[in-house]
Amino acid sequence: QVQLVESGGGLVQPGGSLRLSCVPSGRIFSIYPKGWYRQAPGKQRELVAAITNGGSTDYADSVKGRFTISRDNAKNTVYLQMNSLKPEDTAVYYCNGDSRPWTMRGDYWGQGTQVTVSS
């Protein structure tokens, strides 16, 4: 069974940086990672950033100018570079994927990686 596997979360001080990665396990080209969502305690899951295989991107207003999403199509991997992190960025970050390469979101989810921004 193909799964989306996230890595790169952790604890960082305000103003710091983290880089998240998402890659499918198993048959790596049966699911295409598309982007990142996050869910903070007591809040709904929300879009952080998404990218198509062609490179079109979408960002939440709250992360524009601080986060950058990118992908390596040869490795079928999506990255999220997070700079100037704030305490309000603290959440579980989930990778989202789809079986179709041209979409920006789909029905597949990773298990999540915790990002905590705190001094």
C-alpha atoms as a PDB file:
ATOM      1  CA  GLN A   1       0.000   0.000   0.000  1.00  0.00           C
ATOM      2  CA  VAL A   2       1.403   3.375  -0.996  1.00  0.00           C
ATOM      3  CA  GLN A   3       1.671   5.956   1.748  1.00  0.00           C
ATOM      4  CA  LEU A   4       2.822   9.545   1.963  1.00  0.00           C
ATOM      5  CA  VAL A   5       5.714   9.901   4.375  1.00  0.00           C
ATOM      6  CA  GLU A   6       6.527  13.265   5.932  1.00  0.00           C
ATOM      7  CA  SER A   7       9.775  14.257   7.610  1.00  0.00           C
ATOM      8  CA  GLY A   8      11.507  17.368   8.896  1.00  0.00           C
ATOM      9  CA  GLY A   9       9.264  18.544  11.702  1.00  0.00           C
ATOM     10  CA  GLY A  10      10.523  19.478  15.128  1.00  0.00           C
ATOM     11  CA  LEU A  11      10.953  22.192  17.713  1.00  0.00           C
ATOM     12  CA  VAL A  12      12.309  25.554  16.606  1.00  0.00           C
ATOM     13  CA  GLN A  13      12.565  29.005  18.147  1.00  0.00           C
ATOM     14  CA  PRO A  14      10.572  31.927  16.760  1.00  0.00           C
ATOM     15  CA  GLY A  15      12.324  33.322  13.707  1.00  0.00           C
ATOM     16  CA  GLY A  16      13.890  29.970  12.919  1.00  0.00           C
ATOM     17  CA  SER A  17      13.536  27.703   9.909  1.00  0.00           C
ATOM     18  CA  LEU A  18      12.516  24.144   9.116  1.00  0.00           C
ATOM     19  CA  ARG A  19      12.252  22.160   5.908  1.00  0.00           C
ATOM     20  CA  LEU A  20       9.574  19.523   5.505  1.00  0.00           C
ATOM     21  CA  SER A  21       9.738  16.726   2.948  1.00  0.00           C
ATOM     22  CA  CYS A  22       7.035  14.405   1.631  1.00  0.00           C
ATOM     23  CA  VAL A  23       7.632  11.332  -0.502  1.00  0.00           C
ATOM     24  CA  PRO A  24       5.450   8.318  -1.252  1.00  0.00           C
ATOM     25  CA  SER A  25       6.588   4.938   0.029  1.00  0.00           C
ATOM     26  CA  GLY A  26       6.192   1.774  -2.016  1.00  0.00           C
ATOM     27  CA  ARG A  27       5.217   2.450  -5.650  1.00  0.00           C
ATOM     28  CA  ILE A  28       6.472   6.019  -5.522  1.00  0.00           C
ATOM     29  CA  PHE A  29       4.897   7.215  -8.779  1.00  0.00           C
ATOM     30  CA  SER A  30       1.381   5.947  -8.054  1.00  0.00           C
ATOM     31  CA  ILE A  31       0.648   8.961  -5.817  1.00  0.00           C
ATOM     32  CA  TYR A  32       1.905  12.484  -6.421  1.00  0.00           C
ATOM     33  CA  PRO A  33       2.530  14.664  -3.354  1.00  0.00           C
ATOM     34  CA  LYS A  34       0.710  17.952  -3.864  1.00  0.00           C
ATOM     35  CA  GLY A  35       1.111  20.107  -0.826  1.00  0.00           C
ATOM     36  CA  TRP A  36       0.837  20.751   2.856  1.00  0.00           C
ATOM     37  CA  TYR A  37      -1.995  21.346   5.242  1.00  0.00           C
ATOM     38  CA  ARG A  38      -1.804  21.993   8.978  1.00  0.00           C
ATOM     39  CA  GLN A  39      -4.031  21.517  11.966  1.00  0.00           C
ATOM     40  CA  ALA A  40      -3.528  23.251  15.283  1.00  0.00           C
ATOM     41  CA  PRO A  41      -5.274  22.064  18.474  1.00  0.00           C
ATOM     42  CA  GLY A  42      -8.939  23.035  18.417  1.00  0.00           C
ATOM     43  CA  LYS A  43      -8.790  24.290  14.841  1.00  0.00           C
ATOM     44  CA  GLN A  44      -9.744  22.921  11.452  1.00  0.00           C
ATOM     45  CA  ARG A  45      -7.191  21.616   9.024  1.00  0.00           C
ATOM     46  CA  GLU A  46      -6.136  24.389   6.636  1.00  0.00           C
ATOM     47  CA  LEU A  47      -4.143  24.715   3.453  1.00  0.00           C
ATOM     48  CA  VAL A  48      -0.570  25.905   3.885  1.00  0.00           C
ATOM     49  CA  ALA A  49       0.765  25.541   0.344  1.00  0.00           C
ATOM     50  CA  ALA A  50       0.209  23.386  -2.706  1.00  0.00           C
ATOM     51  CA  ILE A  51       1.972  22.776  -6.013  1.00  0.00           C
ATOM     52  CA  THR A  52       1.155  20.967  -9.242  1.00  0.00           C
ATOM     53  CA  ASN A  53       3.613  18.796 -11.150  1.00  0.00           C
ATOM     54  CA  GLY A  54       3.901  21.707 -13.576  1.00  0.00           C
ATOM     55  CA  GLY A  55       4.962  24.074 -10.811  1.00  0.00           C
ATOM     56  CA  SER A  56       1.834  26.159 -10.237  1.00  0.00           C
ATOM     57  CA  THR A  57       1.561  27.105  -6.570  1.00  0.00           C
ATOM     58  CA  ASP A  58      -0.994  28.257  -4.034  1.00  0.00           C
ATOM     59  CA  TYR A  59      -0.258  29.650  -0.567  1.00  0.00           C
ATOM     60  CA  ALA A  60      -2.256  30.599   2.473  1.00  0.00           C
ATOM     61  CA  ASP A  61      -2.073  34.353   3.044  1.00  0.00           C
ATOM     62  CA  SER A  62      -0.582  33.780   6.490  1.00  0.00           C
ATOM     63  CA  VAL A  63       2.552  32.125   5.079  1.00  0.00           C
ATOM     64  CA  LYS A  64       3.169  34.133   1.902  1.00  0.00           C
ATOM     65  CA  GLY A  65       6.671  35.535   1.855  1.00  0.00           C
ATOM     66  CA  ARG A  66       7.840  33.159   4.602  1.00  0.00           C
ATOM     67  CA  PHE A  67       7.181  29.653   3.252  1.00  0.00           C
ATOM     68  CA  THR A  68       8.220  28.227  -0.106  1.00  0.00           C
ATOM     69  CA  ILE A  69       6.872  25.025  -1.605  1.00  0.00           C
ATOM     70  CA  SER A  70       8.862  23.174  -4.245  1.00  0.00           C
ATOM     71  CA  ARG A  71       8.990  19.757  -5.846  1.00  0.00           C
ATOM     72  CA  ASP A  72      11.483  17.401  -7.414  1.00  0.00           C
ATOM     73  CA  ASN A  73       9.545  15.494 -10.053  1.00  0.00           C
ATOM     74  CA  ALA A  74      12.354  12.986 -10.614  1.00  0.00           C
ATOM     75  CA  LYS A  75      12.142  11.994  -6.952  1.00  0.00           C
ATOM     76  CA  ASN A  76       8.384  12.612  -6.723  1.00  0.00           C
ATOM     77  CA  THR A  77       9.067  14.622  -3.576  1.00  0.00           C
ATOM     78  CA  VAL A  78       7.543  17.857  -2.318  1.00  0.00           C
ATOM     79  CA  TYR A  79       9.331  20.208   0.069  1.00  0.00           C
ATOM     80  CA  LEU A  80       8.161  23.036   2.288  1.00  0.00           C
ATOM     81  CA  GLN A  81      10.826  25.520   3.319  1.00  0.00           C
ATOM     82  CA  MET A  82       9.540  27.427   6.330  1.00  0.00           C
ATOM     83  CA  ASN A  83      11.400  30.593   7.350  1.00  0.00           C
ATOM     84  CA  SER A  84      10.686  33.271   9.933  1.00  0.00           C
ATOM     85  CA  LEU A  85       8.570  30.822  11.873  1.00  0.00           C
ATOM     86  CA  LYS A  86       6.065  32.180  14.385  1.00  0.00           C
ATOM     87  CA  PRO A  87       4.410  30.540  17.400  1.00  0.00           C
ATOM     88  CA  GLU A  88       1.133  30.552  15.465  1.00  0.00           C
ATOM     89  CA  ASP A  89       2.720  28.217  12.905  1.00  0.00           C
ATOM     90  CA  THR A  90       2.695  25.493  15.568  1.00  0.00           C
ATOM     91  CA  ALA A  91       0.591  22.602  14.271  1.00  0.00           C
ATOM     92  CA  VAL A  92       0.676  19.117  12.859  1.00  0.00           C
ATOM     93  CA  TYR A  93       1.601  19.409   9.202  1.00  0.00           C
ATOM     94  CA  TYR A  94       0.082  16.902   6.801  1.00  0.00           C
ATOM     95  CA  CYS A  95       1.189  16.051   3.300  1.00  0.00           C
ATOM     96  CA  ASN A  96      -1.594  15.783   0.726  1.00  0.00           C
ATOM     97  CA  GLY A  97      -1.421  13.837  -2.518  1.00  0.00           C
ATOM     98  CA  ASP A  98      -3.347  12.656  -5.557  1.00  0.00           C
ATOM     99  CA  SER A  99      -3.068   9.917  -8.175  1.00  0.00           C
ATOM    100  CA  ARG A 100      -3.352  12.539 -10.967  1.00  0.00           C
ATOM    101  CA  PRO A 101      -0.258  14.616 -11.740  1.00  0.00           C
ATOM    102  CA  TRP A 102      -2.079  17.750 -12.943  1.00  0.00           C
ATOM    103  CA  THR A 103      -4.129  18.498  -9.814  1.00  0.00           C
ATOM    104  CA  MET A 104      -3.206  20.649  -6.845  1.00  0.00           C
ATOM    105  CA  ARG A 105      -4.861  18.526  -4.164  1.00  0.00           C
ATOM    106  CA  GLY A 106      -6.239  15.040  -3.681  1.00  0.00           C
ATOM    107  CA  ASP A 107      -7.570  12.435  -1.296  1.00  0.00           C
ATOM    108  CA  TYR A 108      -4.347  10.942   0.047  1.00  0.00           C
ATOM    109  CA  TRP A 109      -2.855  12.037   3.360  1.00  0.00           C
ATOM    110  CA  GLY A 110       0.270  11.369   5.321  1.00  0.00           C
ATOM    111  CA  GLN A 111       0.274  10.724   9.049  1.00  0.00           C
ATOM    112  CA  GLY A 112       1.546  14.193   9.880  1.00  0.00           C
ATOM    113  CA  THR A 113       4.651  15.728  11.390  1.00  0.00           C
ATOM    114  CA  GLN A 114       4.635  18.032  14.406  1.00  0.00           C
ATOM    115  CA  VAL A 115       6.036  21.538  14.063  1.00  0.00           C
ATOM    116  CA  THR A 116       6.400  23.462  17.314  1.00  0.00           C
ATOM    117  CA  VAL A 117       7.586  27.066  17.371  1.00  0.00           C
ATOM    118  CA  SER A 118       8.452  28.122  20.876  1.00  0.00           C
ATOM    119  CA  SER A 119      11.170  29.826  22.860  1.00  0.00           C
END
